[in-house]
Amino acid sequence: MATRKRQLYDYVLADLDAKIEEAQGAIDSAIESRNSDTKSSAGDKHETGRAMVQIELDKSKMQLAKALTLRSEMARIDPVKACEKVEFGSLVTTNNGIYFMAIGIGKVTLDKSEYFVISLASPIGQAMHSKQSGAIVKFQGREFEITNIE
């Protein structure tokens, strides 16, 4: 049976792969639309339409680049590595939730349990960074006790 950490890792990768596929599809569609658009007698409408397609194409390319960057970040994680302190790739259980230190995508529900997939660069990620099990982390007026690190 896969560990929670492995399941979260696989979930995040699948989510990123879906975003990559979606962005690539949008790029392909925009390129096809731009290339098949023939110039009509209404030149200004044609140019406006091409400009709109180009804006969508640029936006999709940026989304693809971001998703690919996040995917390569995730590839640096070893989902079976046991961590003794909070670091990139660790799964941190606290009295106020479970945090996967990876990339910042927010709350994820997996097998009816909630997890927070966050970046170490986030404020709470920075507060927990390098802490060990049993440590108390103060964040936004609340105390988090780290009860387990995987």
C-alpha atoms as a PDB file:
ATOM      1  CA  MET A   1       0.000   0.000   0.000  1.00  0.00           C
ATOM      2  CA  ALA A   2       1.248   3.449  -0.908  1.00  0.00           C
ATOM      3  CA  THR A   3       2.045   5.871   1.873  1.00  0.00           C
ATOM      4  CA  ARG A   4       0.112   9.110   2.306  1.00  0.00           C
ATOM      5  CA  LYS A   5       3.173  10.994   1.130  1.00  0.00           C
ATOM      6  CA  ARG A   6       3.406   8.909  -2.045  1.00  0.00           C
ATOM      7  CA  GLN A   7      -0.324   9.345  -2.697  1.00  0.00           C
ATOM      8  CA  LEU A   8      -0.050  13.127  -2.306  1.00  0.00           C
ATOM      9  CA  TYR A   9       3.030  13.211  -4.513  1.00  0.00           C
ATOM     10  CA  ASP A  10       1.228  11.218  -7.229  1.00  0.00           C
ATOM     11  CA  TYR A  11      -1.878  13.414  -6.873  1.00  0.00           C
ATOM     12  CA  VAL A  12       0.131  16.626  -7.324  1.00  0.00           C
ATOM     13  CA  LEU A  13       1.981  15.192 -10.334  1.00  0.00           C
ATOM     14  CA  ALA A  14      -1.296  14.104 -11.946  1.00  0.00           C
ATOM     15  CA  ASP A  15      -2.758  17.569 -11.315  1.00  0.00           C
ATOM     16  CA  LEU A  16       0.278  19.218 -12.911  1.00  0.00           C
ATOM     17  CA  ASP A  17       0.205  16.803 -15.850  1.00  0.00           C
ATOM     18  CA  ALA A  18      -3.457  17.708 -16.435  1.00  0.00           C
ATOM     19  CA  LYS A  19      -2.582  21.427 -16.370  1.00  0.00           C
ATOM     20  CA  ILE A  20       0.284  20.835 -18.806  1.00  0.00           C
ATOM     21  CA  GLU A  21      -2.001  18.909 -21.153  1.00  0.00           C
ATOM     22  CA  GLU A  22      -4.701  21.584 -20.893  1.00  0.00           C
ATOM     23  CA  ALA A  23      -2.246  24.414 -21.624  1.00  0.00           C
ATOM     24  CA  GLN A  24      -0.716  22.496 -24.542  1.00  0.00           C
ATOM     25  CA  GLY A  25      -4.209  21.880 -25.937  1.00  0.00           C
ATOM     26  CA  ALA A  26      -5.051  25.569 -25.654  1.00  0.00           C
ATOM     27  CA  ILE A  27      -1.793  26.472 -27.416  1.00  0.00           C
ATOM     28  CA  ASP A  28      -2.464  24.005 -30.231  1.00  0.00           C
ATOM     29  CA  SER A  29      -6.028  25.289 -30.605  1.00  0.00           C
ATOM     30  CA  ALA A  30      -4.925  28.934 -30.675  1.00  0.00           C
ATOM     31  CA  ILE A  31      -2.221  28.223 -33.254  1.00  0.00           C
ATOM     32  CA  GLU A  32      -4.689  26.321 -35.421  1.00  0.00           C
ATOM     33  CA  SER A  33      -7.223  29.138 -35.102  1.00  0.00           C
ATOM     34  CA  ARG A  34      -4.623  31.778 -35.943  1.00  0.00           C
ATOM     35  CA  ASN A  35      -3.273  29.842 -38.922  1.00  0.00           C
ATOM     36  CA  SER A  36      -6.677  28.955 -40.398  1.00  0.00           C
ATOM     37  CA  ASP A  37      -8.061  32.475 -40.065  1.00  0.00           C
ATOM     38  CA  THR A  38      -8.239  33.933 -43.559  1.00  0.00           C
ATOM     39  CA  LYS A  39      -8.185  37.637 -44.146  1.00  0.00           C
ATOM     40  CA  SER A  40     -11.624  38.960 -44.864  1.00  0.00           C
ATOM     41  CA  SER A  41     -12.749  42.205 -46.400  1.00  0.00           C
ATOM     42  CA  ALA A  42     -13.260  43.488 -42.865  1.00  0.00           C
ATOM     43  CA  GLY A  43      -9.535  43.975 -42.224  1.00  0.00           C
ATOM     44  CA  ASP A  44      -9.830  45.644 -38.832  1.00  0.00           C
ATOM     45  CA  LYS A  45     -11.989  42.810 -37.453  1.00  0.00           C
ATOM     46  CA  HIS A  46      -9.471  40.306 -38.786  1.00  0.00           C
ATOM     47  CA  GLU A  47      -6.549  42.077 -37.110  1.00  0.00           C
ATOM     48  CA  THR A  48      -8.480  42.390 -33.835  1.00  0.00           C
ATOM     49  CA  GLY A  49      -9.318  38.693 -33.962  1.00  0.00           C
ATOM     50  CA  ARG A  50      -5.679  37.753 -34.605  1.00  0.00           C
ATOM     51  CA  ALA A  51      -4.564  39.992 -31.728  1.00  0.00           C
ATOM     52  CA  MET A  52      -7.058  38.307 -29.382  1.00  0.00           C
ATOM     53  CA  VAL A  53      -5.841  34.856 -30.465  1.00  0.00           C
ATOM     54  CA  GLN A  54      -2.240  35.977 -29.893  1.00  0.00           C
ATOM     55  CA  ILE A  55      -3.098  37.172 -26.370  1.00  0.00           C
ATOM     56  CA  GLU A  56      -4.691  33.789 -25.593  1.00  0.00           C
ATOM     57  CA  LEU A  57      -1.692  32.015 -27.103  1.00  0.00           C
ATOM     58  CA  ASP A  58       0.745  34.020 -24.972  1.00  0.00           C
ATOM     59  CA  LYS A  59      -1.336  33.374 -21.840  1.00  0.00           C
ATOM     60  CA  SER A  60      -1.442  29.638 -22.534  1.00  0.00           C
ATOM     61  CA  LYS A  61       2.317  29.569 -23.148  1.00  0.00           C
ATOM     62  CA  MET A  62       2.894  31.260 -19.777  1.00  0.00           C
ATOM     63  CA  GLN A  63       0.596  28.736 -18.051  1.00  0.00           C
ATOM     64  CA  LEU A  64       2.467  25.881 -19.731  1.00  0.00           C
ATOM     65  CA  ALA A  65       5.855  27.267 -18.687  1.00  0.00           C
ATOM     66  CA  LYS A  66       4.672  27.655 -15.083  1.00  0.00           C
ATOM     67  CA  ALA A  67       3.252  24.130 -14.948  1.00  0.00           C
ATOM     68  CA  LEU A  68       6.444  22.679 -16.440  1.00  0.00           C
ATOM     69  CA  THR A  69       8.541  24.557 -13.879  1.00  0.00           C
ATOM     70  CA  LEU A  70       6.381  23.262 -11.011  1.00  0.00           C
ATOM     71  CA  ARG A  71       6.571  19.744 -12.487  1.00  0.00           C
ATOM     72  CA  SER A  72      10.363  19.885 -12.498  1.00  0.00           C
ATOM     73  CA  GLU A  73      10.307  21.128  -8.881  1.00  0.00           C
ATOM     74  CA  MET A  74       8.149  18.146  -7.900  1.00  0.00           C
ATOM     75  CA  ALA A  75      10.551  15.788  -9.686  1.00  0.00           C
ATOM     76  CA  ARG A  76      13.209  16.781  -7.111  1.00  0.00           C
ATOM     77  CA  ILE A  77      11.155  15.122  -4.344  1.00  0.00           C
ATOM     78  CA  ASP A  78      11.843  11.535  -3.355  1.00  0.00           C
ATOM     79  CA  PRO A  79       8.407  10.407  -2.117  1.00  0.00           C
ATOM     80  CA  VAL A  80       9.819   7.423  -0.223  1.00  0.00           C
ATOM     81  CA  LYS A  81      12.537   9.344   1.612  1.00  0.00           C
ATOM     82  CA  ALA A  82      12.002   9.534   5.361  1.00  0.00           C
ATOM     83  CA  CYS A  83      12.599  13.038   6.712  1.00  0.00           C
ATOM     84  CA  GLU A  84      13.717  13.797  10.248  1.00  0.00           C
ATOM     85  CA  LYS A  85      13.091  17.521   9.985  1.00  0.00           C
ATOM     86  CA  VAL A  86      10.811  19.772   7.957  1.00  0.00           C
ATOM     87  CA  GLU A  87      12.335  20.135   4.513  1.00  0.00           C
ATOM     88  CA  PHE A  88      11.346  20.165   0.855  1.00  0.00           C
ATOM     89  CA  GLY A  89       9.416  16.946   0.251  1.00  0.00           C
ATOM     90  CA  SER A  90       8.450  16.219   3.845  1.00  0.00           C
ATOM     91  CA  LEU A  91       4.939  15.432   5.027  1.00  0.00           C
ATOM     92  CA  VAL A  92       4.377  17.240   8.314  1.00  0.00           C
ATOM     93  CA  THR A  93       1.574  16.306  10.683  1.00  0.00           C
ATOM     94  CA  THR A  94       0.619  18.966  13.225  1.00  0.00           C
ATOM     95  CA  ASN A  95      -2.199  19.399  15.710  1.00  0.00           C
ATOM     96  CA  ASN A  96      -3.664  21.896  13.184  1.00  0.00           C
ATOM     97  CA  GLY A  97      -3.418  19.949   9.924  1.00  0.00           C
ATOM     98  CA  ILE A  98      -1.138  17.970   7.663  1.00  0.00           C
ATOM     99  CA  TYR A  99       1.270  19.815   5.370  1.00  0.00           C
ATOM    100  CA  PHE A 100       3.112  18.504   2.326  1.00  0.00           C
ATOM    101  CA  MET A 101       6.169  20.691   1.749  1.00  0.00           C
ATOM    102  CA  ALA A 102       6.289  20.776  -2.024  1.00  0.00           C
ATOM    103  CA  ILE A 103       4.764  23.454  -4.258  1.00  0.00           C
ATOM    104  CA  GLY A 104       2.082  25.940  -3.322  1.00  0.00           C
ATOM    105  CA  ILE A 105      -1.222  24.566  -4.557  1.00  0.00           C
ATOM    106  CA  GLY A 106      -3.262  24.803  -1.374  1.00  0.00           C
ATOM    107  CA  LYS A 107      -5.787  22.468   0.196  1.00  0.00           C
ATOM    108  CA  VAL A 108      -6.190  18.987  -1.259  1.00  0.00           C
ATOM    109  CA  THR A 109      -8.718  16.349  -0.218  1.00  0.00           C
ATOM    110  CA  LEU A 110      -7.484  12.805  -0.656  1.00  0.00           C
ATOM    111  CA  ASP A 111      -9.277   9.741   0.713  1.00  0.00           C
ATOM    112  CA  LYS A 112     -11.580  12.004   2.754  1.00  0.00           C
ATOM    113  CA  SER A 113      -8.601  13.632   4.502  1.00  0.00           C
ATOM    114  CA  GLU A 114      -7.481  17.231   4.010  1.00  0.00           C
ATOM    115  CA  TYR A 115      -3.881  18.168   3.333  1.00  0.00           C
ATOM    116  CA  PHE A 116      -2.194  21.478   2.655  1.00  0.00           C
ATOM    117  CA  VAL A 117       0.284  21.306  -0.203  1.00  0.00           C
ATOM    118  CA  ILE A 118       2.515  24.302   0.393  1.00  0.00           C
ATOM    119  CA  SER A 119       5.871  25.727  -0.536  1.00  0.00           C
ATOM    120  CA  LEU A 120       8.694  26.092   1.952  1.00  0.00           C
ATOM    121  CA  ALA A 121       8.819  29.716   0.795  1.00  0.00           C
ATOM    122  CA  SER A 122       5.305  30.320   2.150  1.00  0.00           C
ATOM    123  CA  PRO A 123       5.073  32.034   5.547  1.00  0.00           C
ATOM    124  CA  ILE A 124       3.995  28.855   7.363  1.00  0.00           C
ATOM    125  CA  GLY A 125       6.553  26.823   5.413  1.00  0.00           C
ATOM    126  CA  GLN A 126       9.280  29.199   6.577  1.00  0.00           C
ATOM    127  CA  ALA A 127       8.029  28.980  10.173  1.00  0.00           C
ATOM    128  CA  MET A 128       8.210  25.162  10.093  1.00  0.00           C
ATOM    129  CA  HIS A 129      11.406  24.824   8.072  1.00  0.00           C
ATOM    130  CA  SER A 130      14.126  22.709   9.752  1.00  0.00           C
ATOM    131  CA  LYS A 131      11.938  21.964  12.789  1.00  0.00           C
ATOM    132  CA  GLN A 132      11.754  18.425  14.165  1.00  0.00           C
ATOM    133  CA  SER A 133       8.936  16.343  15.537  1.00  0.00           C
ATOM    134  CA  GLY A 134       7.793  17.718  18.897  1.00  0.00           C
ATOM    135  CA  ALA A 135       8.617  21.321  18.003  1.00  0.00           C
ATOM    136  CA  ILE A 136       6.108  24.084  18.626  1.00  0.00           C
ATOM    137  CA  VAL A 137       5.728  26.558  15.757  1.00  0.00           C
ATOM    138  CA  LYS A 138       4.082  29.924  16.331  1.00  0.00           C
ATOM    139  CA  PHE A 139       2.295  31.304  13.311  1.00  0.00           C
ATOM    140  CA  GLN A 140      -0.251  34.116  13.103  1.00  0.00           C
ATOM    141  CA  GLY A 141      -0.976  33.989  16.814  1.00  0.00           C
ATOM    142  CA  ARG A 142      -1.512  30.230  16.840  1.00  0.00           C
ATOM    143  CA  GLU A 143       0.691  27.417  18.022  1.00  0.00           C
ATOM    144  CA  PHE A 144       1.288  24.364  15.879  1.00  0.00           C
ATOM    145  CA  GLU A 145       2.842  21.282  17.418  1.00  0.00           C
ATOM    146  CA  ILE A 146       4.660  19.098  14.924  1.00  0.00           C
ATOM    147  CA  THR A 147       3.641  15.568  15.855  1.00  0.00           C
ATOM    148  CA  ASN A 148       5.140  13.606  12.946  1.00  0.00           C
ATOM    149  CA  ILE A 149       7.394  14.098   9.922  1.00  0.00           C
ATOM    150  CA  GLU A 150       7.602  11.671   7.018  1.00  0.00           C
END
